[in-house]
Protein backbone atom coordinates (compact mmCIF):
# COMPACT_ATOMS: atom_id res chain seq x y z
CA UNK A 1 -87.28 68.90 -81.71
CA UNK A 2 -87.40 65.11 -80.09
CA UNK A 3 -89.41 62.86 -80.88
CA UNK A 4 -92.46 61.87 -79.36
CA UNK A 5 -90.94 58.79 -78.09
CA UNK A 6 -88.52 60.29 -75.82
CA UNK A 7 -91.99 62.59 -74.31
CA UNK A 8 -93.81 59.23 -74.56
CA UNK A 9 -90.91 57.67 -72.31
CA UNK A 10 -90.52 60.17 -70.50
CA UNK A 11 -94.28 60.39 -69.06
CA UNK A 12 -93.84 56.92 -67.78
CA UNK A 13 -90.33 57.51 -65.65
CA UNK A 14 -92.44 60.43 -64.39
CA UNK A 15 -95.40 58.36 -64.02
CA UNK A 16 -93.27 55.80 -61.66
CA UNK A 17 -91.69 58.49 -59.25
CA UNK A 18 -94.52 61.28 -58.77
CA UNK A 19 -95.35 64.03 -60.97
CA UNK A 20 -93.43 66.18 -57.83
CA UNK A 21 -90.93 68.60 -57.20
CA UNK A 22 -89.04 66.04 -54.36
CA UNK A 23 -89.01 63.86 -57.97
CA UNK A 24 -86.37 65.98 -60.19
CA UNK A 25 -83.64 63.87 -59.82
CA UNK A 26 -84.82 60.60 -60.01
CA UNK A 27 -86.64 61.24 -63.11
CA UNK A 28 -83.63 62.91 -64.54
CA UNK A 29 -81.09 60.44 -63.63
CA UNK A 30 -83.48 57.57 -65.28
CA UNK A 31 -83.82 59.86 -68.23
CA UNK A 32 -79.79 59.80 -68.79
CA UNK A 33 -79.15 56.66 -67.85
CA UNK A 34 -81.76 55.85 -71.10
CA UNK A 35 -80.32 58.32 -73.37
CA UNK A 36 -76.64 58.04 -71.70
CA UNK A 37 -77.54 62.03 -71.48
CA UNK A 38 -80.27 64.11 -70.74
CA UNK A 39 -82.08 66.20 -73.49
CA UNK A 40 -81.84 70.03 -72.69
CA UNK A 41 -85.62 69.93 -74.26
CA UNK A 42 -86.60 66.78 -71.99
CA UNK A 43 -85.29 68.64 -68.68
CA UNK A 44 -88.13 71.51 -69.82
CA UNK A 45 -90.95 69.06 -70.35
CA UNK A 46 -90.73 67.30 -67.18
CA UNK A 47 -90.07 70.45 -65.23
CA UNK A 48 -93.41 71.46 -66.65
CA UNK A 49 -95.22 67.88 -65.96
CA UNK A 50 -93.58 68.09 -61.76
CA UNK A 51 -94.94 71.84 -61.54
CA UNK A 52 -91.13 73.68 -61.50
CA UNK A 53 -89.15 76.46 -63.89
CA UNK A 54 -87.60 75.79 -66.03
CA UNK A 55 -84.42 77.39 -64.70
CA UNK A 56 -85.34 75.83 -61.48
CA UNK A 57 -84.46 72.19 -63.37
CA UNK A 58 -81.47 73.39 -64.88
CA UNK A 59 -80.41 74.56 -61.99
CA UNK A 60 -80.45 71.41 -60.79
CA UNK A 61 -79.19 69.78 -63.17
CA UNK A 62 -76.32 71.48 -63.27
CA UNK A 63 -75.35 71.69 -60.10
CA UNK A 64 -74.36 67.98 -59.75
CA UNK A 65 -71.97 67.07 -62.10
CA UNK A 66 -73.73 63.50 -63.01
CA UNK A 67 -75.74 65.17 -64.99
CA UNK A 68 -74.42 66.07 -69.55
CA UNK A 69 -76.41 67.43 -71.73
CA UNK A 70 -74.33 66.48 -74.54
CA UNK A 71 -75.26 62.82 -75.55
CA UNK A 72 -72.66 60.57 -75.18
CA UNK A 73 -71.23 57.40 -76.89
CA UNK A 74 -72.56 53.05 -76.40
CA UNK A 75 -69.15 53.26 -74.37
CA UNK A 76 -68.17 55.93 -71.90
CA UNK A 77 -64.46 55.86 -70.49
CA UNK A 78 -63.51 57.60 -67.58
CA UNK A 79 -59.72 57.31 -66.58
CA UNK A 80 -59.11 58.86 -62.96
CA UNK A 81 -56.68 61.27 -62.46
CA UNK A 82 -57.31 62.36 -59.56
CA UNK A 83 -53.39 61.84 -57.51
CA UNK A 84 -52.98 58.50 -56.54
CA UNK A 85 -53.74 57.61 -59.98
CA UNK A 86 -52.11 60.31 -61.77
CA UNK A 87 -48.32 59.85 -59.77
CA UNK A 88 -48.59 56.00 -61.11
CA UNK A 89 -49.29 56.55 -65.04
CA UNK A 90 -53.43 58.26 -65.90
CA UNK A 91 -52.02 60.68 -68.34
CA UNK A 92 -49.79 58.27 -70.75
CA UNK A 93 -52.64 56.52 -70.52
CA UNK A 94 -55.60 59.38 -71.32
CA UNK A 95 -52.77 60.31 -74.03
CA UNK A 96 -52.90 57.69 -75.81
CA UNK A 97 -56.70 57.24 -75.63
CA UNK A 98 -56.90 60.79 -77.24
CA UNK A 99 -55.02 59.16 -79.60
CA UNK A 100 -56.22 56.02 -80.67
CA UNK A 101 -59.78 57.83 -80.93
CA UNK A 102 -58.81 60.55 -82.48
CA UNK A 103 -60.22 62.45 -79.07
CA UNK A 104 -59.14 65.29 -77.77
CA UNK A 105 -59.74 67.40 -74.29
CA UNK A 106 -62.51 69.70 -75.82
CA UNK A 107 -63.67 66.93 -78.59
CA UNK A 108 -65.49 63.83 -75.77
CA UNK A 109 -67.02 61.89 -78.58
CA UNK A 110 -66.06 59.46 -81.40
CA UNK A 111 -68.25 60.36 -84.61
CA UNK A 112 -69.16 57.71 -84.99
CA UNK A 113 -70.57 57.52 -81.55
CA UNK A 114 -69.21 54.55 -80.00
CA UNK A 115 -66.73 56.10 -77.28
CA UNK A 116 -66.62 58.91 -75.26
CA UNK A 117 -63.71 59.60 -72.92
CA UNK A 118 -64.03 61.65 -70.06
CA UNK A 119 -61.24 61.89 -66.84
CA UNK A 120 -62.67 62.28 -63.63
CA UNK A 121 -61.47 63.53 -60.14
CA UNK A 122 -61.85 59.74 -58.27
CA UNK A 123 -63.05 57.01 -58.28
CA UNK A 124 -62.38 55.47 -55.42
CA UNK A 125 -59.86 52.84 -56.11
CA UNK A 126 -56.49 54.28 -55.61
CA UNK A 127 -54.98 50.91 -54.50
CA UNK A 128 -55.32 50.02 -57.68
CA UNK A 129 -54.36 52.94 -59.70
CA UNK A 130 -54.23 53.87 -62.30
CA UNK A 131 -57.39 52.90 -63.12
CA UNK A 132 -60.19 53.53 -65.89
CA UNK A 133 -63.75 52.54 -66.33
CA UNK A 134 -66.00 51.46 -69.37
CA UNK A 135 -69.89 51.95 -68.27
CA UNK A 136 -68.82 51.84 -64.98
CA UNK A 137 -66.45 48.12 -65.08
CA UNK A 138 -63.30 49.27 -63.26
CA UNK A 139 -59.85 48.12 -65.11
CA UNK A 140 -57.21 48.41 -62.72
CA UNK A 141 -53.58 48.73 -62.85
CA UNK A 142 -53.60 50.31 -66.76
CA UNK A 143 -51.15 50.52 -68.90
CA UNK A 144 -51.18 53.02 -72.13
CA UNK A 145 -51.06 49.68 -74.37
CA UNK A 146 -53.58 48.16 -71.68
CA UNK A 147 -56.32 50.44 -72.57
CA UNK A 148 -55.54 50.79 -76.48
CA UNK A 149 -56.27 46.69 -76.42
CA UNK A 150 -58.93 47.39 -74.45
CA UNK A 151 -60.23 49.95 -77.56
CA UNK A 152 -59.79 47.02 -79.94
CA UNK A 153 -61.46 45.08 -78.06
CA UNK A 154 -64.35 47.02 -77.97
CA UNK A 155 -64.03 47.42 -81.68
CA UNK A 156 -64.63 44.49 -82.34
């Protein structure tokens, strides 16, 4: 059960977009932007408020890869593993980050909720490969050492 403040914030977001079916995606985008994930309870709540079934809302949210039902860390790190990045060495960067953060493909977020590590198929910056982002800020021409140094900088 979520705190009442989550539902109040959802009501505020729904009011901004309008309580109709066509507003589902912008509403859940804003909720995810607020909490860095999409709480299932809020998805059900939004569905009821805009007059669609929970199944319909869930099918939309699961269709788009951008939506996440898992809480994410303060820093969301995305490592590109598209062809250009892979060929130029994204795998050693990813392995170093797993090691530095104590994460794995199965465990994507640190226990302190500071970091979430994800791989993506393409970040659209092939000329800068290998590339990673931290909260959508692009870090080009990365190396395993540079990635580890960035983690230390973010930890403060």
